[in-house]
Amino acid sequence: MDSLDNRLIARRAFLAGTTAAGLLALPGCQSMGGFSMVDAIRRLLDISARNAFAKLTAPGGFWDSEVARFDLPEMFGASGGIRSLLTSAVFKQNLQKQLNVVAEKGAARAAPLVYEAVTNISIPDAVAIVRGGSSAATGYLRSQMGQGLVNAMVPGLSDALRISGDPVLGQAIRALSGVDVGQIAQSVATRADNSIWKQIGIEEGAIRAHPESTRDPLLIGVFKVL
């Protein structure tokens, strides 16, 4: 059965690739014979985003990732009280880790917004995105969503910071002068936003390089052509 499935996928990919080759040879052409480049981009983005969020929302999703892990926001070096705490390398690392852990809550809140945006996104030049770089589709989606993820993550991150029972995080927040939890949440959200888009871009690049891993005939057909 697996062999038959693989043959069927290969045949569908061949047919999709044949059509894709014709599309890519015609600048500005978005569809031909029922084939849609927009569908290909949406599938590419959907799978990339789901792969990214599966990693980022898992325990240690940000902290354990060389792509997603982020440094301490600048505000944590701005006041005297926190600076004295950060002279301890252990304290500093634990604080950075806890903020990355909090970011997982933000990613969980951001995920459905990205999935919805992928479904509804308008793509006037899908062929250009297909021909673009390894994260061209991700870059386009990010430009369309703007600050949407940051704005959506801030409330949840504020709540997560307030209820966190981590002693290092609590001590650091109390040591900040003239900074409230909302401002910290904003800084974490901005960094989480960058990490989310980086991770989606990495997933997109992996699919472009090895479309067969998706077992999606349309994606195999389109990106094998390239």
N, C-alpha and C. Protein backbone atom coordinates (compact mmCIF):
# COMPACT_ATOMS: atom_id res chain seq x y z
N MET A 1 0.83 -1.20 0.00
CA MET A 1 0.00 0.00 0.00
C MET A 1 0.87 1.26 0.00
N ASP A 2 1.93 1.20 0.80
CA ASP A 2 2.82 2.35 0.84
C ASP A 2 3.44 2.61 -0.52
N SER A 3 3.82 1.52 -1.18
CA SER A 3 4.43 1.66 -2.50
C SER A 3 3.44 2.26 -3.49
N LEU A 4 2.18 1.80 -3.42
CA LEU A 4 1.15 2.34 -4.30
C LEU A 4 0.92 3.82 -3.99
N ASP A 5 0.84 4.17 -2.71
CA ASP A 5 0.66 5.57 -2.31
C ASP A 5 1.79 6.42 -2.86
N ASN A 6 3.00 5.92 -2.75
CA ASN A 6 4.15 6.69 -3.23
C ASN A 6 4.10 6.89 -4.74
N ARG A 7 3.65 5.87 -5.45
CA ARG A 7 3.54 6.00 -6.91
C ARG A 7 2.47 7.01 -7.30
N LEU A 8 1.34 6.99 -6.55
CA LEU A 8 0.27 7.94 -6.83
C LEU A 8 0.73 9.37 -6.56
N ILE A 9 1.43 9.57 -5.44
CA ILE A 9 1.95 10.89 -5.11
C ILE A 9 2.95 11.34 -6.17
N ALA A 10 3.81 10.41 -6.59
CA ALA A 10 4.80 10.77 -7.60
C ALA A 10 4.13 11.18 -8.92
N ARG A 11 3.08 10.44 -9.30
CA ARG A 11 2.39 10.78 -10.55
C ARG A 11 1.71 12.14 -10.44
N ARG A 12 1.02 12.38 -9.31
CA ARG A 12 0.36 13.67 -9.12
C ARG A 12 1.38 14.80 -9.09
N ALA A 13 2.52 14.53 -8.47
CA ALA A 13 3.57 15.55 -8.42
C ALA A 13 4.10 15.84 -9.81
N PHE A 14 4.22 14.77 -10.63
CA PHE A 14 4.70 14.97 -12.00
C PHE A 14 3.73 15.84 -12.78
N LEU A 15 2.43 15.54 -12.65
CA LEU A 15 1.42 16.32 -13.36
C LEU A 15 1.43 17.77 -12.88
N ALA A 16 1.50 17.94 -11.55
CA ALA A 16 1.54 19.30 -11.00
C ALA A 16 2.80 20.03 -11.45
N GLY A 17 3.91 19.29 -11.50
CA GLY A 17 5.17 19.90 -11.91
C GLY A 17 5.15 20.30 -13.36
N THR A 18 4.53 19.49 -14.19
CA THR A 18 4.42 19.83 -15.60
C THR A 18 3.65 21.12 -15.79
N THR A 19 2.53 21.24 -15.06
CA THR A 19 1.74 22.46 -15.14
C THR A 19 2.50 23.63 -14.55
N ALA A 20 3.19 23.39 -13.44
CA ALA A 20 3.96 24.45 -12.80
C ALA A 20 5.05 24.97 -13.71
N ALA A 21 5.67 24.08 -14.46
CA ALA A 21 6.72 24.51 -15.37
C ALA A 21 6.16 25.48 -16.40
N GLY A 22 4.96 25.17 -16.89
CA GLY A 22 4.32 26.09 -17.84
C GLY A 22 3.99 27.41 -17.20
N LEU A 23 3.54 27.37 -15.95
CA LEU A 23 3.20 28.59 -15.25
C LEU A 23 4.42 29.47 -15.03
N LEU A 24 5.49 28.85 -14.61
CA LEU A 24 6.70 29.62 -14.31
C LEU A 24 7.32 30.21 -15.57
N ALA A 25 6.98 29.65 -16.69
CA ALA A 25 7.51 30.18 -17.94
C ALA A 25 6.68 31.34 -18.47
N LEU A 26 5.54 31.60 -17.82
CA LEU A 26 4.65 32.67 -18.26
C LEU A 26 4.54 33.73 -17.18
N PRO A 27 5.32 34.80 -17.25
CA PRO A 27 5.30 35.84 -16.22
C PRO A 27 3.89 36.37 -15.97
N GLY A 28 3.51 36.44 -14.70
CA GLY A 28 2.22 37.00 -14.33
C GLY A 28 1.08 36.00 -14.37
N CYS A 29 1.32 34.82 -14.89
CA CYS A 29 0.25 33.83 -14.98
C CYS A 29 0.07 33.15 -13.63
N GLN A 30 -1.15 33.13 -13.12
CA GLN A 30 -1.40 32.61 -11.78
C GLN A 30 -2.06 31.23 -11.79
N SER A 31 -2.71 30.86 -12.89
CA SER A 31 -3.37 29.57 -12.90
C SER A 31 -3.48 29.05 -14.33
N MET A 32 -3.59 27.72 -14.41
CA MET A 32 -3.69 27.10 -15.72
C MET A 32 -4.26 25.70 -15.52
N GLY A 33 -5.29 25.39 -16.27
CA GLY A 33 -5.85 24.05 -16.20
C GLY A 33 -6.30 23.65 -14.81
N GLY A 34 -6.83 24.58 -14.06
CA GLY A 34 -7.31 24.26 -12.71
C GLY A 34 -6.23 24.32 -11.65
N PHE A 35 -4.99 24.49 -12.05
CA PHE A 35 -3.88 24.57 -11.11
C PHE A 35 -3.73 26.00 -10.63
N SER A 36 -3.54 26.20 -9.33
CA SER A 36 -3.42 27.54 -8.77
C SER A 36 -2.12 27.70 -8.00
N MET A 37 -1.33 28.68 -8.39
CA MET A 37 -0.12 28.99 -7.65
C MET A 37 -0.44 29.56 -6.27
N VAL A 38 -1.57 30.25 -6.18
CA VAL A 38 -2.00 30.77 -4.87
C VAL A 38 -2.23 29.62 -3.91
N ASP A 39 -2.86 28.55 -4.39
CA ASP A 39 -3.06 27.36 -3.55
C ASP A 39 -1.73 26.81 -3.06
N ALA A 40 -0.74 26.80 -3.95
CA ALA A 40 0.58 26.28 -3.57
C ALA A 40 1.21 27.13 -2.47
N ILE A 41 1.11 28.44 -2.60
CA ILE A 41 1.68 29.33 -1.58
C ILE A 41 0.95 29.16 -0.26
N ARG A 42 -0.38 29.05 -0.31
CA ARG A 42 -1.13 28.87 0.93
C ARG A 42 -0.78 27.55 1.61
N ARG A 43 -0.62 26.50 0.83
CA ARG A 43 -0.24 25.21 1.42
C ARG A 43 1.16 25.31 2.01
N LEU A 44 2.06 25.97 1.28
CA LEU A 44 3.43 26.14 1.77
C LEU A 44 3.43 26.87 3.10
N LEU A 45 2.67 27.95 3.19
CA LEU A 45 2.64 28.74 4.41
C LEU A 45 1.95 27.99 5.55
N ASP A 46 0.89 27.28 5.23
CA ASP A 46 0.16 26.56 6.27
C ASP A 46 1.04 25.49 6.90
N ILE A 47 1.70 24.70 6.08
CA ILE A 47 2.55 23.65 6.62
C ILE A 47 3.75 24.25 7.36
N SER A 48 4.33 25.31 6.80
CA SER A 48 5.48 25.95 7.46
C SER A 48 5.09 26.49 8.83
N ALA A 49 3.94 27.16 8.89
CA ALA A 49 3.49 27.74 10.16
C ALA A 49 3.16 26.66 11.18
N ARG A 50 2.49 25.61 10.75
CA ARG A 50 2.13 24.55 11.70
C ARG A 50 3.37 23.83 12.22
N ASN A 51 4.35 23.61 11.35
CA ASN A 51 5.61 23.01 11.81
C ASN A 51 6.32 23.93 12.81
N ALA A 52 6.31 25.23 12.51
CA ALA A 52 6.98 26.19 13.39
C ALA A 52 6.32 26.26 14.76
N PHE A 53 5.00 26.39 14.77
CA PHE A 53 4.31 26.53 16.06
C PHE A 53 4.33 25.23 16.86
N ALA A 54 4.37 24.09 16.19
CA ALA A 54 4.50 22.83 16.92
C ALA A 54 5.79 22.81 17.73
N LYS A 55 6.84 23.40 17.17
CA LYS A 55 8.12 23.46 17.87
C LYS A 55 8.13 24.54 18.95
N LEU A 56 7.61 25.72 18.61
CA LEU A 56 7.71 26.86 19.52
C LEU A 56 6.80 26.73 20.74
N THR A 57 5.68 26.06 20.60
CA THR A 57 4.76 25.93 21.73
C THR A 57 5.05 24.71 22.58
N ALA A 58 6.00 23.89 22.17
CA ALA A 58 6.41 22.75 22.99
C ALA A 58 7.27 23.26 24.15
N PRO A 59 7.35 22.51 25.25
CA PRO A 59 8.20 22.93 26.36
C PRO A 59 9.63 23.21 25.89
N GLY A 60 10.14 24.38 26.21
CA GLY A 60 11.48 24.76 25.78
C GLY A 60 11.55 25.16 24.32
N GLY A 61 10.40 25.44 23.72
CA GLY A 61 10.35 25.72 22.29
C GLY A 61 11.22 26.88 21.85
N PHE A 62 11.24 27.95 22.63
CA PHE A 62 12.09 29.10 22.30
C PHE A 62 13.50 28.89 22.83
N TRP A 63 13.60 28.51 24.07
CA TRP A 63 14.90 28.44 24.73
C TRP A 63 15.82 27.40 24.08
N ASP A 64 15.27 26.29 23.65
CA ASP A 64 16.09 25.21 23.09
C ASP A 64 16.40 25.41 21.61
N SER A 65 15.87 26.46 21.02
CA SER A 65 16.06 26.70 19.58
C SER A 65 17.10 27.78 19.34
N GLU A 66 18.10 27.46 18.53
CA GLU A 66 19.09 28.48 18.17
C GLU A 66 18.47 29.56 17.29
N VAL A 67 17.39 29.22 16.63
CA VAL A 67 16.70 30.18 15.78
C VAL A 67 15.81 31.11 16.60
N ALA A 68 15.06 30.54 17.54
CA ALA A 68 14.01 31.30 18.24
C ALA A 68 14.47 31.95 19.55
N ARG A 69 15.49 31.42 20.19
CA ARG A 69 15.90 31.97 21.49
C ARG A 69 16.27 33.44 21.36
N PHE A 70 15.81 34.25 22.31
CA PHE A 70 16.11 35.69 22.26
C PHE A 70 16.78 36.17 23.54
N ASP A 71 17.50 37.26 23.42
CA ASP A 71 18.23 37.83 24.55
C ASP A 71 17.31 38.65 25.45
N LEU A 72 17.85 39.10 26.56
CA LEU A 72 17.08 39.94 27.47
C LEU A 72 16.74 41.28 26.81
N PRO A 73 15.53 41.76 27.00
CA PRO A 73 15.18 43.10 26.51
C PRO A 73 16.09 44.15 27.15
N GLU A 74 16.30 45.25 26.44
CA GLU A 74 17.21 46.29 26.91
C GLU A 74 16.80 46.85 28.27
N MET A 75 15.51 46.86 28.56
CA MET A 75 15.04 47.44 29.83
C MET A 75 15.63 46.74 31.05
N PHE A 76 16.08 45.49 30.88
CA PHE A 76 16.63 44.77 32.01
C PHE A 76 18.06 45.18 32.33
N GLY A 77 18.58 46.13 31.60
CA GLY A 77 19.88 46.66 31.96
C GLY A 77 19.84 48.15 32.20
N ALA A 78 18.61 48.68 32.35
CA ALA A 78 18.46 50.12 32.41
C ALA A 78 18.47 50.70 33.81
N SER A 79 18.12 49.92 34.81
CA SER A 79 18.03 50.48 36.17
C SER A 79 19.07 49.85 37.09
N GLY A 80 19.42 50.60 38.12
CA GLY A 80 20.46 50.15 39.02
C GLY A 80 20.15 48.85 39.73
N GLY A 81 18.90 48.70 40.16
CA GLY A 81 18.52 47.50 40.91
C GLY A 81 18.70 46.23 40.10
N ILE A 82 18.25 46.25 38.87
CA ILE A 82 18.34 45.04 38.04
C ILE A 82 19.78 44.80 37.59
N ARG A 83 20.52 45.87 37.39
CA ARG A 83 21.92 45.70 36.95
C ARG A 83 22.72 44.94 37.99
N SER A 84 22.46 45.21 39.25
CA SER A 84 23.20 44.51 40.30
C SER A 84 22.87 43.02 40.32
N LEU A 85 21.61 42.69 40.02
CA LEU A 85 21.21 41.28 39.97
C LEU A 85 21.86 40.57 38.79
N LEU A 86 22.01 41.30 37.69
CA LEU A 86 22.51 40.68 36.47
C LEU A 86 24.02 40.52 36.47
N THR A 87 24.68 40.95 37.53
CA THR A 87 26.11 40.67 37.64
C THR A 87 26.34 39.18 37.86
N SER A 88 25.29 38.49 38.31
CA SER A 88 25.36 37.04 38.45
C SER A 88 25.01 36.39 37.12
N ALA A 89 25.96 35.66 36.54
CA ALA A 89 25.73 35.01 35.25
C ALA A 89 24.60 33.99 35.34
N VAL A 90 24.52 33.32 36.48
CA VAL A 90 23.47 32.30 36.67
C VAL A 90 22.10 32.96 36.71
N PHE A 91 21.98 34.07 37.45
CA PHE A 91 20.71 34.79 37.53
C PHE A 91 20.31 35.29 36.14
N LYS A 92 21.26 35.86 35.42
CA LYS A 92 20.98 36.41 34.10
C LYS A 92 20.48 35.33 33.15
N GLN A 93 21.15 34.18 33.16
CA GLN A 93 20.74 33.09 32.27
C GLN A 93 19.36 32.56 32.64
N ASN A 94 19.11 32.42 33.95
CA ASN A 94 17.80 31.94 34.39
C ASN A 94 16.69 32.91 34.02
N LEU A 95 16.97 34.20 34.11
CA LEU A 95 15.97 35.21 33.74
C LEU A 95 15.69 35.14 32.23
N GLN A 96 16.76 35.05 31.45
CA GLN A 96 16.58 34.94 30.00
C GLN A 96 15.75 33.70 29.67
N LYS A 97 16.04 32.60 30.33
CA LYS A 97 15.30 31.36 30.07
C LYS A 97 13.82 31.52 30.41
N GLN A 98 13.53 32.14 31.56
CA GLN A 98 12.13 32.30 31.97
C GLN A 98 11.34 33.19 31.01
N LEU A 99 11.98 34.22 30.47
CA LEU A 99 11.29 35.07 29.50
C LEU A 99 11.03 34.31 28.21
N ASN A 100 11.96 33.43 27.83
CA ASN A 100 11.74 32.59 26.66
C ASN A 100 10.63 31.58 26.91
N VAL A 101 10.52 31.10 28.14
CA VAL A 101 9.43 30.19 28.49
C VAL A 101 8.09 30.91 28.42
N VAL A 102 8.04 32.13 28.94
CA VAL A 102 6.81 32.93 28.86
C VAL A 102 6.39 33.13 27.41
N ALA A 103 7.37 33.29 26.53
CA ALA A 103 7.07 33.53 25.11
C ALA A 103 6.28 32.38 24.48
N GLU A 104 6.39 31.19 25.04
CA GLU A 104 5.62 30.05 24.53
C GLU A 104 4.12 30.33 24.61
N LYS A 105 3.71 31.04 25.66
CA LYS A 105 2.29 31.40 25.80
C LYS A 105 1.88 32.35 24.69
N GLY A 106 2.77 33.26 24.35
CA GLY A 106 2.48 34.18 23.26
C GLY A 106 2.35 33.47 21.93
N ALA A 107 3.22 32.50 21.69
CA ALA A 107 3.17 31.75 20.43
C ALA A 107 1.86 30.98 20.30
N ALA A 108 1.40 30.41 21.42
CA ALA A 108 0.13 29.68 21.39
C ALA A 108 -1.02 30.61 21.02
N ARG A 109 -0.94 31.85 21.46
CA ARG A 109 -1.98 32.83 21.14
C ARG A 109 -1.86 33.31 19.69
N ALA A 110 -0.65 33.35 19.17
CA ALA A 110 -0.42 33.85 17.82
C ALA A 110 -0.77 32.83 16.74
N ALA A 111 -0.62 31.55 17.05
CA ALA A 111 -0.78 30.50 16.04
C ALA A 111 -2.09 30.57 15.26
N PRO A 112 -3.26 30.61 15.93
CA PRO A 112 -4.50 30.64 15.15
C PRO A 112 -4.65 31.88 14.27
N LEU A 113 -4.04 32.98 14.67
CA LEU A 113 -4.09 34.19 13.85
C LEU A 113 -3.33 34.00 12.54
N VAL A 114 -2.20 33.32 12.64
CA VAL A 114 -1.41 33.05 11.44
C VAL A 114 -2.16 32.09 10.52
N TYR A 115 -2.74 31.04 11.09
CA TYR A 115 -3.48 30.07 10.27
C TYR A 115 -4.64 30.76 9.54
N GLU A 116 -5.32 31.63 10.24
CA GLU A 116 -6.44 32.35 9.62
C GLU A 116 -5.94 33.27 8.51
N ALA A 117 -4.84 33.95 8.78
CA ALA A 117 -4.29 34.87 7.78
C ALA A 117 -3.87 34.13 6.52
N VAL A 118 -3.31 32.93 6.68
CA VAL A 118 -2.90 32.13 5.54
C VAL A 118 -4.11 31.78 4.68
N THR A 119 -5.21 31.43 5.34
CA THR A 119 -6.43 31.05 4.62
C THR A 119 -7.00 32.22 3.81
N ASN A 120 -6.91 33.41 4.38
CA ASN A 120 -7.58 34.57 3.78
C ASN A 120 -6.65 35.51 3.00
N ILE A 121 -5.37 35.22 2.99
CA ILE A 121 -4.42 36.16 2.41
C ILE A 121 -4.65 36.35 0.90
N SER A 122 -4.52 37.58 0.46
CA SER A 122 -4.58 37.91 -0.96
C SER A 122 -3.17 37.90 -1.52
N ILE A 123 -2.96 37.15 -2.60
CA ILE A 123 -1.62 37.02 -3.17
C ILE A 123 -1.68 37.44 -4.64
N PRO A 124 -1.39 38.70 -4.93
CA PRO A 124 -1.52 39.19 -6.31
C PRO A 124 -0.48 38.63 -7.26
N ASP A 125 0.69 38.21 -6.76
CA ASP A 125 1.73 37.70 -7.64
C ASP A 125 2.37 36.46 -7.01
N ALA A 126 1.64 35.35 -7.06
CA ALA A 126 2.11 34.12 -6.43
C ALA A 126 3.34 33.57 -7.13
N VAL A 127 3.43 33.75 -8.45
CA VAL A 127 4.58 33.24 -9.19
C VAL A 127 5.88 33.89 -8.70
N ALA A 128 5.83 35.18 -8.42
CA ALA A 128 7.02 35.89 -7.92
C ALA A 128 7.45 35.31 -6.57
N ILE A 129 6.49 34.95 -5.74
CA ILE A 129 6.82 34.37 -4.44
C ILE A 129 7.41 32.98 -4.62
N VAL A 130 6.84 32.19 -5.53
CA VAL A 130 7.39 30.87 -5.81
C VAL A 130 8.82 30.99 -6.29
N ARG A 131 9.07 31.98 -7.12
CA ARG A 131 10.42 32.18 -7.66
C ARG A 131 11.34 32.87 -6.66
N GLY A 132 10.81 33.36 -5.55
CA GLY A 132 11.59 34.14 -4.60
C GLY A 132 12.55 33.30 -3.79
N GLY A 133 13.11 33.92 -2.77
CA GLY A 133 14.09 33.25 -1.92
C GLY A 133 13.46 32.21 -1.02
N SER A 134 14.29 31.65 -0.15
CA SER A 134 13.86 30.51 0.67
C SER A 134 12.75 30.84 1.65
N SER A 135 12.57 32.12 1.99
CA SER A 135 11.50 32.51 2.91
C SER A 135 10.64 33.62 2.32
N ALA A 136 10.50 33.63 1.00
CA ALA A 136 9.76 34.70 0.33
C ALA A 136 8.30 34.73 0.75
N ALA A 137 7.68 33.57 0.89
CA ALA A 137 6.27 33.53 1.28
C ALA A 137 6.09 34.00 2.72
N THR A 138 7.00 33.60 3.58
CA THR A 138 6.95 34.04 4.98
C THR A 138 7.09 35.55 5.08
N GLY A 139 8.03 36.09 4.33
CA GLY A 139 8.22 37.54 4.34
C GLY A 139 7.00 38.28 3.86
N TYR A 140 6.34 37.74 2.85
CA TYR A 140 5.14 38.39 2.34
C TYR A 140 4.02 38.34 3.38
N LEU A 141 3.82 37.18 4.00
CA LEU A 141 2.77 37.05 5.01
C LEU A 141 3.04 37.99 6.18
N ARG A 142 4.29 38.07 6.60
CA ARG A 142 4.63 38.95 7.72
C ARG A 142 4.32 40.41 7.38
N SER A 143 4.63 40.80 6.14
CA SER A 143 4.36 42.19 5.74
C SER A 143 2.86 42.48 5.75
N GLN A 144 2.06 41.47 5.45
CA GLN A 144 0.61 41.65 5.44
C GLN A 144 0.04 41.71 6.85
N MET A 145 0.63 40.99 7.79
CA MET A 145 0.11 40.96 9.16
C MET A 145 0.64 42.11 10.01
N GLY A 146 1.75 42.70 9.62
CA GLY A 146 2.29 43.83 10.36
C GLY A 146 2.52 43.52 11.83
N GLN A 147 1.97 44.36 12.70
CA GLN A 147 2.13 44.21 14.14
C GLN A 147 1.04 43.34 14.76
N GLY A 148 0.29 42.65 13.91
CA GLY A 148 -0.85 41.88 14.40
C GLY A 148 -0.52 40.87 15.49
N LEU A 149 0.58 40.14 15.32
CA LEU A 149 0.94 39.13 16.31
C LEU A 149 1.40 39.77 17.62
N VAL A 150 2.18 40.83 17.52
CA VAL A 150 2.63 41.52 18.73
C VAL A 150 1.44 42.00 19.54
N ASN A 151 0.51 42.66 18.89
CA ASN A 151 -0.67 43.19 19.59
C ASN A 151 -1.51 42.08 20.22
N ALA A 152 -1.58 40.95 19.54
CA ALA A 152 -2.37 39.83 20.06
C ALA A 152 -1.69 39.14 21.23
N MET A 153 -0.36 39.13 21.24
CA MET A 153 0.37 38.42 22.28
C MET A 153 0.48 39.18 23.59
N VAL A 154 0.48 40.50 23.54
CA VAL A 154 0.74 41.31 24.74
C VAL A 154 -0.18 40.97 25.91
N PRO A 155 -1.50 40.91 25.72
CA PRO A 155 -2.37 40.60 26.88
C PRO A 155 -2.04 39.27 27.54
N GLY A 156 -1.85 38.23 26.73
CA GLY A 156 -1.53 36.93 27.29
C GLY A 156 -0.19 36.89 27.98
N LEU A 157 0.77 37.58 27.41
CA LEU A 157 2.09 37.63 28.03
C LEU A 157 2.06 38.42 29.34
N SER A 158 1.27 39.47 29.38
CA SER A 158 1.11 40.25 30.62
C SER A 158 0.57 39.36 31.73
N ASP A 159 -0.45 38.56 31.40
CA ASP A 159 -1.03 37.64 32.39
C ASP A 159 -0.01 36.60 32.83
N ALA A 160 0.75 36.07 31.86
CA ALA A 160 1.74 35.04 32.19
C ALA A 160 2.83 35.59 33.10
N LEU A 161 3.23 36.83 32.87
CA LEU A 161 4.24 37.45 33.73
C LEU A 161 3.71 37.68 35.15
N ARG A 162 2.45 38.08 35.23
CA ARG A 162 1.87 38.38 36.55
C ARG A 162 1.71 37.11 37.40
N ILE A 163 1.32 36.02 36.77
CA ILE A 163 1.01 34.81 37.55
C ILE A 163 2.20 33.86 37.66
N SER A 164 3.30 34.19 36.99
CA SER A 164 4.46 33.32 37.06
C SER A 164 4.94 33.19 38.50
N GLY A 165 5.18 31.98 38.89
CA GLY A 165 5.69 31.74 40.24
C GLY A 165 7.19 31.60 40.29
N ASP A 166 7.85 31.90 39.17
CA ASP A 166 9.29 31.74 39.14
C ASP A 166 9.95 32.83 39.98
N PRO A 167 10.77 32.47 40.95
CA PRO A 167 11.37 33.48 41.84
C PRO A 167 12.34 34.42 41.14
N VAL A 168 13.08 33.93 40.16
CA VAL A 168 14.03 34.78 39.43
C VAL A 168 13.28 35.84 38.65
N LEU A 169 12.25 35.44 37.95
CA LEU A 169 11.46 36.37 37.16
C LEU A 169 10.78 37.39 38.07
N GLY A 170 10.23 36.93 39.18
CA GLY A 170 9.57 37.84 40.11
C GLY A 170 10.53 38.85 40.70
N GLN A 171 11.71 38.41 41.07
CA GLN A 171 12.71 39.31 41.64
C GLN A 171 13.15 40.35 40.61
N ALA A 172 13.31 39.92 39.37
CA ALA A 172 13.76 40.84 38.31
C ALA A 172 12.70 41.89 38.04
N ILE A 173 11.44 41.49 38.01
CA ILE A 173 10.36 42.45 37.74
C ILE A 173 10.29 43.48 38.86
N ARG A 174 10.42 43.02 40.10
CA ARG A 174 10.37 43.95 41.24
C ARG A 174 11.54 44.91 41.24
N ALA A 175 12.67 44.48 40.68
CA ALA A 175 13.87 45.31 40.69
C ALA A 175 13.86 46.37 39.59
N LEU A 176 12.98 46.23 38.62
CA LEU A 176 12.93 47.22 37.55
C LEU A 176 12.32 48.52 38.07
N SER A 177 12.93 49.61 37.70
CA SER A 177 12.45 50.91 38.16
C SER A 177 11.70 51.62 37.04
N GLY A 178 10.45 52.02 37.34
CA GLY A 178 9.64 52.76 36.38
C GLY A 178 9.17 51.94 35.19
N VAL A 179 9.12 50.63 35.34
CA VAL A 179 8.68 49.75 34.25
C VAL A 179 7.56 48.87 34.77
N ASP A 180 6.45 48.79 34.04
CA ASP A 180 5.35 47.93 34.48
C ASP A 180 5.34 46.64 33.66
N VAL A 181 4.48 45.71 34.08
CA VAL A 181 4.41 44.40 33.44
C VAL A 181 4.01 44.52 31.97
N GLY A 182 3.14 45.47 31.67
CA GLY A 182 2.72 45.67 30.29
C GLY A 182 3.87 46.01 29.37
N GLN A 183 4.80 46.82 29.85
CA GLN A 183 5.96 47.19 29.04
C GLN A 183 6.89 46.00 28.82
N ILE A 184 7.03 45.19 29.86
CA ILE A 184 7.84 43.98 29.71
C ILE A 184 7.19 43.05 28.69
N ALA A 185 5.87 42.90 28.79
CA ALA A 185 5.14 42.04 27.85
C ALA A 185 5.31 42.52 26.41
N GLN A 186 5.30 43.83 26.23
CA GLN A 186 5.48 44.40 24.89
C GLN A 186 6.86 44.04 24.33
N SER A 187 7.88 44.15 25.18
CA SER A 187 9.24 43.82 24.73
C SER A 187 9.37 42.34 24.41
N VAL A 188 8.79 41.50 25.25
CA VAL A 188 8.85 40.06 25.00
C VAL A 188 8.07 39.71 23.74
N ALA A 189 6.92 40.35 23.56
CA ALA A 189 6.10 40.09 22.37
C ALA A 189 6.85 40.46 21.09
N THR A 190 7.57 41.56 21.13
CA THR A 190 8.33 41.99 19.95
C THR A 190 9.40 40.97 19.60
N ARG A 191 10.08 40.47 20.62
CA ARG A 191 11.11 39.46 20.38
C ARG A 191 10.51 38.13 19.97
N ALA A 192 9.40 37.76 20.58
CA ALA A 192 8.73 36.52 20.19
C ALA A 192 8.24 36.59 18.75
N ASP A 193 7.75 37.75 18.36
CA ASP A 193 7.29 37.96 16.98
C ASP A 193 8.43 37.70 16.00
N ASN A 194 9.59 38.28 16.27
CA ASN A 194 10.75 38.05 15.40
C ASN A 194 11.12 36.57 15.34
N SER A 195 11.07 35.92 16.49
CA SER A 195 11.42 34.50 16.55
C SER A 195 10.42 33.64 15.79
N ILE A 196 9.15 33.96 15.91
CA ILE A 196 8.11 33.21 15.21
C ILE A 196 8.32 33.27 13.71
N TRP A 197 8.54 34.47 13.20
CA TRP A 197 8.72 34.62 11.75
C TRP A 197 10.02 33.98 11.28
N LYS A 198 11.06 34.04 12.10
CA LYS A 198 12.30 33.35 11.74
C LYS A 198 12.07 31.85 11.62
N GLN A 199 11.33 31.29 12.59
CA GLN A 199 11.09 29.85 12.59
C GLN A 199 10.21 29.44 11.41
N ILE A 200 9.19 30.22 11.11
CA ILE A 200 8.35 29.91 9.95
C ILE A 200 9.19 29.97 8.68
N GLY A 201 10.06 30.97 8.59
CA GLY A 201 10.92 31.09 7.42
C GLY A 201 11.85 29.90 7.26
N ILE A 202 12.38 29.41 8.38
CA ILE A 202 13.24 28.23 8.34
C ILE A 202 12.46 27.02 7.83
N GLU A 203 11.23 26.88 8.33
CA GLU A 203 10.39 25.75 7.89
C GLU A 203 10.05 25.86 6.41
N GLU A 204 9.79 27.08 5.95
CA GLU A 204 9.51 27.27 4.53
C GLU A 204 10.72 26.87 3.69
N GLY A 205 11.89 27.31 4.10
CA GLY A 205 13.10 26.96 3.36
C GLY A 205 13.32 25.46 3.29
N ALA A 206 13.02 24.76 4.38
CA ALA A 206 13.18 23.31 4.41
C ALA A 206 12.23 22.63 3.43
N ILE A 207 11.00 23.15 3.35
CA ILE A 207 10.03 22.58 2.42
C ILE A 207 10.44 22.85 0.98
N ARG A 208 10.89 24.05 0.72
CA ARG A 208 11.35 24.37 -0.64
C ARG A 208 12.50 23.45 -1.06
N ALA A 209 13.39 23.16 -0.12
CA ALA A 209 14.55 22.33 -0.43
C ALA A 209 14.18 20.86 -0.58
N HIS A 210 13.19 20.43 0.22
CA HIS A 210 12.79 19.02 0.20
C HIS A 210 11.27 18.90 0.22
N PRO A 211 10.60 19.32 -0.85
CA PRO A 211 9.13 19.31 -0.88
C PRO A 211 8.54 17.92 -0.71
N GLU A 212 9.30 16.89 -1.06
CA GLU A 212 8.78 15.53 -0.93
C GLU A 212 8.47 15.17 0.52
N SER A 213 9.08 15.86 1.46
CA SER A 213 8.83 15.58 2.88
C SER A 213 7.39 15.88 3.27
N THR A 214 6.71 16.74 2.52
CA THR A 214 5.32 17.09 2.82
C THR A 214 4.34 16.06 2.31
N ARG A 215 4.76 15.24 1.37
CA ARG A 215 3.88 14.28 0.69
C ARG A 215 2.70 14.98 0.02
N ASP A 216 2.89 16.25 -0.30
CA ASP A 216 1.85 17.04 -0.97
C ASP A 216 2.20 17.14 -2.45
N PRO A 217 1.39 16.53 -3.32
CA PRO A 217 1.73 16.54 -4.75
C PRO A 217 1.89 17.93 -5.34
N LEU A 218 1.07 18.87 -4.89
CA LEU A 218 1.15 20.22 -5.44
C LEU A 218 2.48 20.87 -5.08
N LEU A 219 2.89 20.77 -3.83
CA LEU A 219 4.15 21.37 -3.40
C LEU A 219 5.34 20.65 -4.05
N ILE A 220 5.24 19.34 -4.15
CA ILE A 220 6.33 18.59 -4.80
C ILE A 220 6.43 19.03 -6.26
N GLY A 221 5.30 19.12 -6.92
CA GLY A 221 5.29 19.50 -8.33
C GLY A 221 5.85 20.89 -8.56
N VAL A 222 5.45 21.85 -7.71
CA VAL A 222 5.89 23.23 -7.89
C VAL A 222 7.38 23.39 -7.58
N PHE A 223 7.81 22.90 -6.43
CA PHE A 223 9.17 23.21 -5.99
C PHE A 223 10.22 22.26 -6.53
N LYS A 224 9.82 21.10 -7.04
CA LYS A 224 10.78 20.27 -7.74
C LYS A 224 11.16 20.89 -9.08
N VAL A 225 10.24 21.67 -9.65
CA VAL A 225 10.52 22.38 -10.90
C VAL A 225 11.69 23.33 -10.70
N LEU A 226 11.74 23.96 -9.52
CA LEU A 226 12.78 24.94 -9.25
C LEU A 226 14.11 24.27 -8.90
